[in-house]
Amino acid sequence: MGIEEQVANPWWSRYESTITILFAALAAVHASALLGHGALVSTGVSNSARSQDAFGNYAFSYGIKDGLGAANSRSEVGDAHGNKKGSYTIADIDGRARRVDYVADGQDSSPVRD
């Protein structure tokens, strides 16, 4: 192997992809330790459901909770005449929570007062 060939193709070039993967893995481990996480971070959970019949009656719901504890949800039922009844909720990670219940006919809607 001539000197020009050695300069153009140093010994470590054969291991370049292995070295890159090794450094990426080390960076990920150190970043995890710096952020205080020993394992993967939970990104949260969600659920949903929906149904509808041939007459236009329907129902749906969903719920979402992130990895920090904040949550929100919504559910609603309705019919072919435009009548609806439902609620939605939100809960922040600091403990504040709100729930709104509502009803609507084909022409007007309003929150339900307790």
C-alpha atoms as a PDB file:
ATOM      1  CA  MET A   1       0.000   0.000   0.000  1.00  0.00           C
ATOM      2  CA  GLY A   2       1.492   3.335  -1.051  1.00  0.00           C
ATOM      3  CA  ILE A   3       1.576   6.471   1.093  1.00  0.00           C
ATOM      4  CA  GLU A   4      -1.102   8.157  -1.032  1.00  0.00           C
ATOM      5  CA  GLU A   5      -3.408   5.173  -0.536  1.00  0.00           C
ATOM      6  CA  GLN A   6      -2.780   5.199   3.234  1.00  0.00           C
ATOM      7  CA  VAL A   7      -3.636   8.908   3.461  1.00  0.00           C
ATOM      8  CA  ALA A   8      -6.791   8.481   1.358  1.00  0.00           C
ATOM      9  CA  ASN A   9      -7.946   5.399   3.331  1.00  0.00           C
ATOM     10  CA  PRO A  10      -6.733   5.604   6.967  1.00  0.00           C
ATOM     11  CA  TRP A  11      -7.033   2.455   9.122  1.00  0.00           C
ATOM     12  CA  TRP A  12     -10.084   3.722  11.003  1.00  0.00           C
ATOM     13  CA  SER A  13     -12.152   4.232   7.835  1.00  0.00           C
ATOM     14  CA  ARG A  14     -12.944   0.494   7.887  1.00  0.00           C
ATOM     15  CA  TYR A  15     -14.576   0.973  11.300  1.00  0.00           C
ATOM     16  CA  GLU A  16     -16.216   4.346  10.695  1.00  0.00           C
ATOM     17  CA  SER A  17     -19.859   3.155  10.900  1.00  0.00           C
ATOM     18  CA  THR A  18     -19.121   1.065  14.019  1.00  0.00           C
ATOM     19  CA  ILE A  19     -17.447   4.033  15.703  1.00  0.00           C
ATOM     20  CA  THR A  20     -20.381   6.310  14.776  1.00  0.00           C
ATOM     21  CA  ILE A  21     -22.914   3.883  16.287  1.00  0.00           C
ATOM     22  CA  LEU A  22     -20.806   3.536  19.437  1.00  0.00           C
ATOM     23  CA  PHE A  23     -20.607   7.306  19.950  1.00  0.00           C
ATOM     24  CA  ALA A  24     -24.353   7.688  19.296  1.00  0.00           C
ATOM     25  CA  ALA A  25     -25.110   5.027  21.918  1.00  0.00           C
ATOM     26  CA  LEU A  26     -22.805   6.693  24.438  1.00  0.00           C
ATOM     27  CA  ALA A  27     -24.441  10.075  23.781  1.00  0.00           C
ATOM     28  CA  ALA A  28     -27.895   8.578  24.351  1.00  0.00           C
ATOM     29  CA  VAL A  29     -26.826   6.988  27.653  1.00  0.00           C
ATOM     30  CA  HIS A  30     -25.274  10.234  28.902  1.00  0.00           C
ATOM     31  CA  ALA A  31     -28.297  12.299  27.816  1.00  0.00           C
ATOM     32  CA  SER A  32     -30.563   9.904  29.687  1.00  0.00           C
ATOM     33  CA  ALA A  33     -28.445  10.215  32.825  1.00  0.00           C
ATOM     34  CA  LEU A  34     -28.350  14.026  32.565  1.00  0.00           C
ATOM     35  CA  LEU A  35     -32.125  14.222  32.252  1.00  0.00           C
ATOM     36  CA  GLY A  36     -32.591  12.007  35.287  1.00  0.00           C
ATOM     37  CA  HIS A  37     -34.212   9.134  33.435  1.00  0.00           C
ATOM     38  CA  GLY A  38     -32.885   5.643  33.874  1.00  0.00           C
ATOM     39  CA  ALA A  39     -35.321   4.164  31.370  1.00  0.00           C
ATOM     40  CA  LEU A  40     -37.449   5.226  28.448  1.00  0.00           C
ATOM     41  CA  VAL A  41     -39.721   8.217  29.023  1.00  0.00           C
ATOM     42  CA  SER A  42     -43.438   7.444  29.009  1.00  0.00           C
ATOM     43  CA  THR A  43     -45.229   9.422  26.344  1.00  0.00           C
ATOM     44  CA  GLY A  44     -48.667   8.682  27.792  1.00  0.00           C
ATOM     45  CA  VAL A  45     -51.729   6.651  26.907  1.00  0.00           C
ATOM     46  CA  SER A  46     -54.946   7.209  24.988  1.00  0.00           C
ATOM     47  CA  ASN A  47     -58.224   5.467  24.244  1.00  0.00           C
ATOM     48  CA  SER A  48     -61.167   6.068  21.938  1.00  0.00           C
ATOM     49  CA  ALA A  49     -64.511   4.563  20.981  1.00  0.00           C
ATOM     50  CA  ARG A  50     -67.218   5.459  18.471  1.00  0.00           C
ATOM     51  CA  SER A  51     -70.418   4.028  17.104  1.00  0.00           C
ATOM     52  CA  GLN A  52     -73.206   5.075  14.764  1.00  0.00           C
ATOM     53  CA  ASP A  53     -76.363   3.359  13.601  1.00  0.00           C
ATOM     54  CA  ALA A  54     -78.313   3.582  10.343  1.00  0.00           C
ATOM     55  CA  PHE A  55     -80.709   6.192  11.822  1.00  0.00           C
ATOM     56  CA  GLY A  56     -78.017   8.792  12.578  1.00  0.00           C
ATOM     57  CA  ASN A  57     -77.681   8.097  16.296  1.00  0.00           C
ATOM     58  CA  TYR A  58     -74.053   8.190  17.367  1.00  0.00           C
ATOM     59  CA  ALA A  59     -71.746   8.079  20.356  1.00  0.00           C
ATOM     60  CA  PHE A  60     -68.037   8.735  20.732  1.00  0.00           C
ATOM     61  CA  SER A  61     -65.472   9.197  23.442  1.00  0.00           C
ATOM     62  CA  TYR A  62     -61.737   9.602  23.860  1.00  0.00           C
ATOM     63  CA  GLY A  63     -59.257  10.091  26.646  1.00  0.00           C
ATOM     64  CA  ILE A  64     -55.615  11.166  26.630  1.00  0.00           C
ATOM     65  CA  LYS A  65     -53.101  11.187  29.467  1.00  0.00           C
ATOM     66  CA  ASP A  66     -49.566  12.394  28.792  1.00  0.00           C
ATOM     67  CA  GLY A  67     -46.423  11.116  30.446  1.00  0.00           C
ATOM     68  CA  LEU A  68     -46.421  13.948  33.006  1.00  0.00           C
ATOM     69  CA  GLY A  69     -49.969  13.386  34.293  1.00  0.00           C
ATOM     70  CA  ALA A  70     -51.990  15.967  32.367  1.00  0.00           C
ATOM     71  CA  ALA A  71     -55.199  14.504  30.956  1.00  0.00           C
ATOM     72  CA  ASN A  72     -58.194  15.420  28.828  1.00  0.00           C
ATOM     73  CA  SER A  73     -61.245  13.563  27.618  1.00  0.00           C
ATOM     74  CA  ARG A  74     -64.488  14.046  25.755  1.00  0.00           C
ATOM     75  CA  SER A  75     -67.667  12.041  25.252  1.00  0.00           C
ATOM     76  CA  GLU A  76     -70.830  12.784  23.317  1.00  0.00           C
ATOM     77  CA  VAL A  77     -74.053  11.113  22.192  1.00  0.00           C
ATOM     78  CA  GLY A  78     -76.366  12.501  19.544  1.00  0.00           C
ATOM     79  CA  ASP A  79     -79.247  11.723  17.252  1.00  0.00           C
ATOM     80  CA  ALA A  80     -80.370  12.464  13.703  1.00  0.00           C
ATOM     81  CA  HIS A  81     -82.430  15.473  14.902  1.00  0.00           C
ATOM     82  CA  GLY A  82     -79.347  17.395  16.066  1.00  0.00           C
ATOM     83  CA  ASN A  83     -79.792  16.688  19.771  1.00  0.00           C
ATOM     84  CA  LYS A  84     -76.504  16.243  21.575  1.00  0.00           C
ATOM     85  CA  LYS A  85     -75.374  15.587  25.114  1.00  0.00           C
ATOM     86  CA  GLY A  86     -71.795  15.360  26.245  1.00  0.00           C
ATOM     87  CA  SER A  87     -68.930  16.483  28.400  1.00  0.00           C
ATOM     88  CA  TYR A  88     -65.264  17.279  28.222  1.00  0.00           C
ATOM     89  CA  THR A  89     -62.615  17.383  30.915  1.00  0.00           C
ATOM     90  CA  ILE A  90     -59.110  18.675  31.333  1.00  0.00           C
ATOM     91  CA  ALA A  91     -56.696  18.072  34.206  1.00  0.00           C
ATOM     92  CA  ASP A  92     -53.364  19.896  34.322  1.00  0.00           C
ATOM     93  CA  ILE A  93     -50.226  18.430  35.854  1.00  0.00           C
ATOM     94  CA  ASP A  94     -50.464  20.963  38.694  1.00  0.00           C
ATOM     95  CA  GLY A  95     -53.747  19.419  39.871  1.00  0.00           C
ATOM     96  CA  ARG A  96     -56.238  21.905  38.402  1.00  0.00           C
ATOM     97  CA  ALA A  97     -59.203  20.173  36.792  1.00  0.00           C
ATOM     98  CA  ARG A  98     -62.273  21.287  34.886  1.00  0.00           C
ATOM     99  CA  ARG A  99     -65.307  19.449  33.574  1.00  0.00           C
ATOM    100  CA  VAL A 100     -67.980  20.910  31.312  1.00  0.00           C
ATOM    101  CA  ASP A 101     -71.270  19.124  30.632  1.00  0.00           C
ATOM    102  CA  TYR A 102     -73.379  20.349  27.738  1.00  0.00           C
ATOM    103  CA  VAL A 103     -76.654  19.713  25.938  1.00  0.00           C
ATOM    104  CA  ALA A 104     -77.760  20.942  22.535  1.00  0.00           C
ATOM    105  CA  ASP A 105     -80.852  20.629  20.441  1.00  0.00           C
ATOM    106  CA  GLY A 106     -80.915  21.196  16.709  1.00  0.00           C
ATOM    107  CA  GLN A 107     -80.963  24.983  17.206  1.00  0.00           C
ATOM    108  CA  ASP A 108     -79.268  25.941  20.469  1.00  0.00           C
ATOM    109  CA  SER A 109     -76.636  24.720  22.876  1.00  0.00           C
ATOM    110  CA  SER A 110     -75.690  25.567  26.410  1.00  0.00           C
ATOM    111  CA  PRO A 111     -73.563  24.245  29.244  1.00  0.00           C
ATOM    112  CA  VAL A 112     -75.428  22.366  31.965  1.00  0.00           C
ATOM    113  CA  ARG A 113     -75.412  24.181  35.308  1.00  0.00           C
ATOM    114  CA  ASP A 114     -75.222  22.158  38.516  1.00  0.00           C
END
